[in-house]
């Protein structure tokens, strides 16, 4: 289901409660699905054979949601990426025109 940008938690709920999924779903790829949240992970708790889930670029999925999923499915492999937090602007100093990684040639 990667890149299914319109799939929602409700769609994942239907997938997670289907008899086929609860018994046979082993791999679920949800990369770049911007509308799914931790609720989607909760809908997958009954998928006892789920071995791997891909969650790259799912901005509404949290570490807490993944931790809850892993507590119910301890053998699952979760592949996710969380962008580093943007540091707060420094107070009292003049703002740098370029970030530290940029070089002016």
N, C-alpha and C. Protein backbone atom coordinates (compact mmCIF):
# COMPACT_ATOMS: atom_id res chain seq x y z
N UNK A 1 0.81 -1.19 0.00
CA UNK A 1 0.00 0.00 0.00
C UNK A 1 0.85 1.26 0.00
N UNK A 2 2.14 1.11 -0.21
CA UNK A 2 3.02 2.28 -0.24
C UNK A 2 2.54 3.28 -1.27
N UNK A 3 2.65 4.53 -0.92
CA UNK A 3 2.28 5.66 -1.77
C UNK A 3 0.77 5.75 -2.02
N UNK A 4 -0.03 5.08 -1.22
CA UNK A 4 -1.49 5.25 -1.30
C UNK A 4 -1.82 6.45 -0.41
N UNK A 5 -1.70 7.61 -0.98
CA UNK A 5 -1.77 8.84 -0.20
C UNK A 5 -3.15 9.15 0.34
N UNK A 6 -4.18 8.46 -0.12
CA UNK A 6 -5.53 8.72 0.37
C UNK A 6 -6.02 7.66 1.36
N UNK A 7 -5.21 6.65 1.63
CA UNK A 7 -5.64 5.63 2.58
C UNK A 7 -5.66 6.23 3.99
N UNK A 8 -6.67 5.87 4.75
CA UNK A 8 -6.85 6.44 6.09
C UNK A 8 -6.85 5.33 7.14
N UNK A 9 -6.97 5.73 8.38
CA UNK A 9 -7.07 4.77 9.48
C UNK A 9 -8.25 3.83 9.28
N UNK A 10 -9.33 4.35 8.72
CA UNK A 10 -10.53 3.53 8.48
C UNK A 10 -10.23 2.42 7.48
N UNK A 11 -9.47 2.72 6.45
CA UNK A 11 -9.08 1.70 5.48
C UNK A 11 -8.21 0.63 6.12
N UNK A 12 -7.29 1.04 6.96
CA UNK A 12 -6.43 0.07 7.66
C UNK A 12 -7.26 -0.75 8.64
N UNK A 13 -8.28 -0.13 9.24
CA UNK A 13 -9.16 -0.88 10.16
C UNK A 13 -9.83 -2.03 9.42
N UNK A 14 -10.35 -1.75 8.22
CA UNK A 14 -10.99 -2.80 7.43
C UNK A 14 -10.00 -3.91 7.09
N UNK A 15 -8.79 -3.53 6.77
CA UNK A 15 -7.75 -4.53 6.47
C UNK A 15 -7.44 -5.35 7.72
N UNK A 16 -7.26 -4.69 8.84
CA UNK A 16 -6.84 -5.36 10.07
C UNK A 16 -7.85 -6.32 10.65
N UNK A 17 -9.14 -6.09 10.43
CA UNK A 17 -10.15 -6.97 11.02
C UNK A 17 -10.59 -8.08 10.08
N UNK A 18 -10.13 -8.08 8.84
CA UNK A 18 -10.53 -9.13 7.91
C UNK A 18 -9.93 -10.46 8.35
N UNK A 19 -10.69 -11.51 8.17
CA UNK A 19 -10.25 -12.84 8.60
C UNK A 19 -8.94 -13.25 7.92
N UNK A 20 -8.80 -12.90 6.67
CA UNK A 20 -7.58 -13.25 5.93
C UNK A 20 -6.36 -12.57 6.55
N UNK A 21 -6.50 -11.29 6.89
CA UNK A 21 -5.37 -10.55 7.45
C UNK A 21 -4.97 -11.04 8.83
N UNK A 22 -5.96 -11.33 9.66
CA UNK A 22 -5.62 -11.75 11.02
C UNK A 22 -4.86 -13.06 11.03
N UNK A 23 -5.03 -13.88 10.01
CA UNK A 23 -4.35 -15.17 9.95
C UNK A 23 -3.13 -15.19 9.02
N UNK A 24 -3.17 -14.39 7.94
CA UNK A 24 -2.15 -14.57 6.90
C UNK A 24 -1.29 -13.34 6.58
N UNK A 25 -1.69 -12.17 7.01
CA UNK A 25 -0.91 -10.97 6.67
C UNK A 25 0.45 -11.04 7.35
N UNK A 26 1.51 -11.02 6.57
CA UNK A 26 2.87 -11.14 7.11
C UNK A 26 3.67 -9.87 6.92
N UNK A 27 3.47 -9.15 5.82
CA UNK A 27 4.24 -7.94 5.51
C UNK A 27 3.25 -6.87 5.07
N UNK A 28 3.43 -5.68 5.62
CA UNK A 28 2.58 -4.56 5.24
C UNK A 28 3.47 -3.35 5.00
N UNK A 29 3.44 -2.83 3.79
CA UNK A 29 4.25 -1.66 3.44
C UNK A 29 3.33 -0.46 3.31
N UNK A 30 3.53 0.50 4.19
CA UNK A 30 2.71 1.71 4.24
C UNK A 30 3.54 2.97 4.05
N UNK A 31 4.64 2.86 3.35
CA UNK A 31 5.50 4.02 3.12
C UNK A 31 4.72 5.13 2.43
N UNK A 32 4.98 6.36 2.84
CA UNK A 32 4.39 7.55 2.21
C UNK A 32 2.87 7.52 2.21
N UNK A 33 2.29 7.17 3.34
CA UNK A 33 0.84 7.23 3.52
C UNK A 33 0.59 8.31 4.57
N UNK A 34 0.43 9.56 4.14
CA UNK A 34 0.43 10.69 5.08
C UNK A 34 -0.80 10.80 5.97
N UNK A 35 -1.87 10.06 5.69
CA UNK A 35 -3.09 10.21 6.48
C UNK A 35 -3.23 9.19 7.61
N UNK A 36 -2.37 8.18 7.63
CA UNK A 36 -2.52 7.18 8.69
C UNK A 36 -1.86 7.66 9.97
N UNK A 37 -2.47 7.25 11.10
CA UNK A 37 -1.98 7.66 12.41
C UNK A 37 -1.72 6.42 13.25
N UNK A 38 -1.42 6.63 14.51
CA UNK A 38 -1.22 5.51 15.43
C UNK A 38 -2.45 4.62 15.52
N UNK A 39 -3.63 5.18 15.25
CA UNK A 39 -4.86 4.38 15.26
C UNK A 39 -4.76 3.22 14.27
N UNK A 40 -4.09 3.44 13.14
CA UNK A 40 -3.90 2.36 12.16
C UNK A 40 -3.11 1.21 12.77
N UNK A 41 -2.10 1.54 13.54
CA UNK A 41 -1.31 0.49 14.17
C UNK A 41 -2.16 -0.29 15.17
N UNK A 42 -3.03 0.41 15.88
CA UNK A 42 -3.93 -0.27 16.81
C UNK A 42 -4.86 -1.24 16.09
N UNK A 43 -5.26 -0.90 14.87
CA UNK A 43 -6.14 -1.77 14.09
C UNK A 43 -5.44 -3.04 13.62
N UNK A 44 -4.12 -3.07 13.71
CA UNK A 44 -3.36 -4.23 13.24
C UNK A 44 -2.96 -5.18 14.37
N UNK A 45 -3.37 -4.89 15.59
CA UNK A 45 -2.95 -5.70 16.73
C UNK A 45 -3.44 -7.15 16.64
N UNK A 46 -4.52 -7.39 15.92
CA UNK A 46 -5.04 -8.76 15.81
C UNK A 46 -4.40 -9.54 14.67
N UNK A 47 -3.50 -8.94 13.93
CA UNK A 47 -2.80 -9.61 12.83
C UNK A 47 -1.60 -10.34 13.41
N UNK A 48 -1.84 -11.50 13.97
CA UNK A 48 -0.83 -12.21 14.76
C UNK A 48 0.36 -12.72 13.95
N UNK A 49 0.22 -12.84 12.65
CA UNK A 49 1.34 -13.31 11.82
C UNK A 49 2.10 -12.17 11.16
N UNK A 50 1.78 -10.95 11.52
CA UNK A 50 2.48 -9.81 10.92
C UNK A 50 3.93 -9.80 11.38
N UNK A 51 4.83 -9.93 10.42
CA UNK A 51 6.26 -10.04 10.72
C UNK A 51 7.01 -8.74 10.47
N UNK A 52 6.53 -7.94 9.51
CA UNK A 52 7.26 -6.71 9.16
C UNK A 52 6.27 -5.65 8.70
N UNK A 53 6.53 -4.41 9.12
CA UNK A 53 5.73 -3.28 8.67
C UNK A 53 6.68 -2.14 8.32
N UNK A 54 6.42 -1.51 7.19
CA UNK A 54 7.22 -0.39 6.70
C UNK A 54 6.43 0.90 6.90
N UNK A 55 7.02 1.87 7.56
CA UNK A 55 6.32 3.10 7.89
C UNK A 55 7.14 4.35 7.54
N UNK A 56 7.98 4.26 6.54
CA UNK A 56 8.80 5.42 6.16
C UNK A 56 7.90 6.56 5.69
N UNK A 57 8.20 7.75 6.13
CA UNK A 57 7.50 8.97 5.73
C UNK A 57 6.00 8.95 6.04
N UNK A 58 5.66 8.36 7.16
CA UNK A 58 4.29 8.42 7.69
C UNK A 58 4.37 9.38 8.88
N UNK A 59 4.19 10.66 8.62
CA UNK A 59 4.46 11.70 9.59
C UNK A 59 3.56 11.66 10.82
N UNK A 60 2.40 11.00 10.75
CA UNK A 60 1.48 10.97 11.88
C UNK A 60 1.63 9.72 12.75
N UNK A 61 2.59 8.88 12.40
CA UNK A 61 2.91 7.71 13.23
C UNK A 61 3.96 8.14 14.25
N UNK A 62 3.77 7.76 15.50
CA UNK A 62 4.71 8.16 16.55
C UNK A 62 5.49 6.97 17.09
N UNK A 63 6.53 7.27 17.81
CA UNK A 63 7.30 6.21 18.48
C UNK A 63 6.43 5.47 19.49
N UNK A 64 5.56 6.21 20.17
CA UNK A 64 4.67 5.59 21.17
C UNK A 64 3.73 4.59 20.50
N UNK A 65 3.21 4.92 19.33
CA UNK A 65 2.34 4.00 18.60
C UNK A 65 3.07 2.74 18.18
N UNK A 66 4.32 2.89 17.74
CA UNK A 66 5.13 1.73 17.36
C UNK A 66 5.44 0.89 18.58
N UNK A 67 5.73 1.53 19.69
CA UNK A 67 6.02 0.79 20.92
C UNK A 67 4.81 -0.04 21.36
N UNK A 68 3.61 0.54 21.24
CA UNK A 68 2.38 -0.18 21.59
C UNK A 68 2.19 -1.38 20.67
N UNK A 69 2.44 -1.21 19.37
CA UNK A 69 2.33 -2.32 18.42
C UNK A 69 3.30 -3.43 18.78
N UNK A 70 4.54 -3.05 19.08
CA UNK A 70 5.55 -4.05 19.42
C UNK A 70 5.26 -4.76 20.74
N UNK A 71 4.55 -4.10 21.64
CA UNK A 71 4.22 -4.76 22.90
C UNK A 71 3.19 -5.88 22.66
N UNK A 72 2.36 -5.74 21.64
CA UNK A 72 1.38 -6.78 21.31
C UNK A 72 1.94 -7.81 20.33
N UNK A 73 2.84 -7.38 19.47
CA UNK A 73 3.46 -8.26 18.48
C UNK A 73 4.98 -8.17 18.64
N UNK A 74 5.54 -8.81 19.67
CA UNK A 74 6.95 -8.60 20.02
C UNK A 74 7.96 -9.01 18.94
N UNK A 75 7.58 -9.88 18.02
CA UNK A 75 8.53 -10.34 16.99
C UNK A 75 8.48 -9.52 15.72
N UNK A 76 7.61 -8.51 15.66
CA UNK A 76 7.47 -7.73 14.44
C UNK A 76 8.71 -6.84 14.22
N UNK A 77 9.09 -6.72 12.97
CA UNK A 77 10.17 -5.80 12.58
C UNK A 77 9.51 -4.55 12.03
N UNK A 78 9.81 -3.42 12.63
CA UNK A 78 9.22 -2.15 12.21
C UNK A 78 10.31 -1.31 11.57
N UNK A 79 10.08 -0.91 10.34
CA UNK A 79 11.01 -0.04 9.64
C UNK A 79 10.34 1.33 9.52
N UNK A 80 10.90 2.30 10.20
CA UNK A 80 10.34 3.65 10.20
C UNK A 80 11.47 4.65 10.22
N UNK A 81 11.15 5.85 9.83
CA UNK A 81 12.12 6.95 9.84
C UNK A 81 11.45 8.15 10.47
N UNK A 82 12.13 8.74 11.42
CA UNK A 82 11.64 9.96 12.05
C UNK A 82 12.65 11.06 11.74
N UNK A 83 12.21 12.09 11.07
CA UNK A 83 13.09 13.20 10.73
C UNK A 83 13.57 13.85 12.02
N UNK A 84 14.81 14.29 12.05
CA UNK A 84 15.30 14.96 13.26
C UNK A 84 14.52 16.22 13.53
N UNK A 85 14.36 16.52 14.81
CA UNK A 85 13.64 17.73 15.17
C UNK A 85 14.45 18.96 14.79
N UNK A 86 13.75 19.97 14.36
CA UNK A 86 14.40 21.23 14.02
C UNK A 86 14.79 21.93 15.31
N UNK A 87 16.04 22.32 15.46
CA UNK A 87 16.44 23.00 16.70
C UNK A 87 15.75 24.35 16.81
N UNK A 88 15.46 24.77 18.03
CA UNK A 88 14.82 26.08 18.20
C UNK A 88 15.78 27.19 17.78
N UNK A 89 15.25 28.30 17.32
CA UNK A 89 16.14 29.40 16.93
C UNK A 89 16.89 29.92 18.15
N UNK A 90 18.13 30.27 17.93
CA UNK A 90 18.93 30.77 19.04
C UNK A 90 18.45 32.17 19.41
N UNK A 91 18.34 32.37 20.70
CA UNK A 91 17.84 33.67 21.18
C UNK A 91 19.01 34.62 21.41
N UNK A 92 18.80 35.87 21.06
CA UNK A 92 19.80 36.89 21.35
C UNK A 92 20.93 36.97 20.35
N UNK A 93 21.04 36.00 19.47
CA UNK A 93 22.10 36.04 18.47
C UNK A 93 21.51 36.39 17.13
N UNK A 94 22.32 36.95 16.29
CA UNK A 94 21.83 37.25 14.95
C UNK A 94 21.67 35.93 14.19
N UNK A 95 20.69 35.90 13.38
CA UNK A 95 20.37 34.68 12.64
C UNK A 95 21.39 34.46 11.54
N UNK A 96 21.90 33.22 11.45
CA UNK A 96 22.84 32.90 10.40
C UNK A 96 22.11 32.88 9.07
N UNK A 97 22.80 33.35 8.06
CA UNK A 97 22.20 33.37 6.74
C UNK A 97 22.17 31.98 6.11
N UNK A 98 23.13 31.14 6.44
CA UNK A 98 23.23 29.79 5.90
C UNK A 98 23.38 28.81 7.04
N UNK A 99 22.89 27.59 6.82
CA UNK A 99 23.08 26.58 7.86
C UNK A 99 24.54 26.11 7.87
N UNK A 100 24.90 25.39 8.89
CA UNK A 100 26.29 24.96 9.06
C UNK A 100 26.78 24.06 7.95
N UNK A 101 25.87 23.33 7.30
CA UNK A 101 26.30 22.38 6.28
C UNK A 101 26.48 23.03 4.90
N UNK A 102 26.01 24.25 4.72
CA UNK A 102 26.13 24.93 3.43
C UNK A 102 27.48 25.64 3.33
N UNK A 103 28.02 25.61 2.17
CA UNK A 103 29.29 26.29 1.92
C UNK A 103 29.08 27.25 0.76
N UNK A 104 29.54 28.46 0.94
CA UNK A 104 29.44 29.45 -0.14
C UNK A 104 30.70 29.33 -0.98
N UNK A 105 30.51 29.08 -2.28
CA UNK A 105 31.67 28.95 -3.18
C UNK A 105 31.99 30.27 -3.82
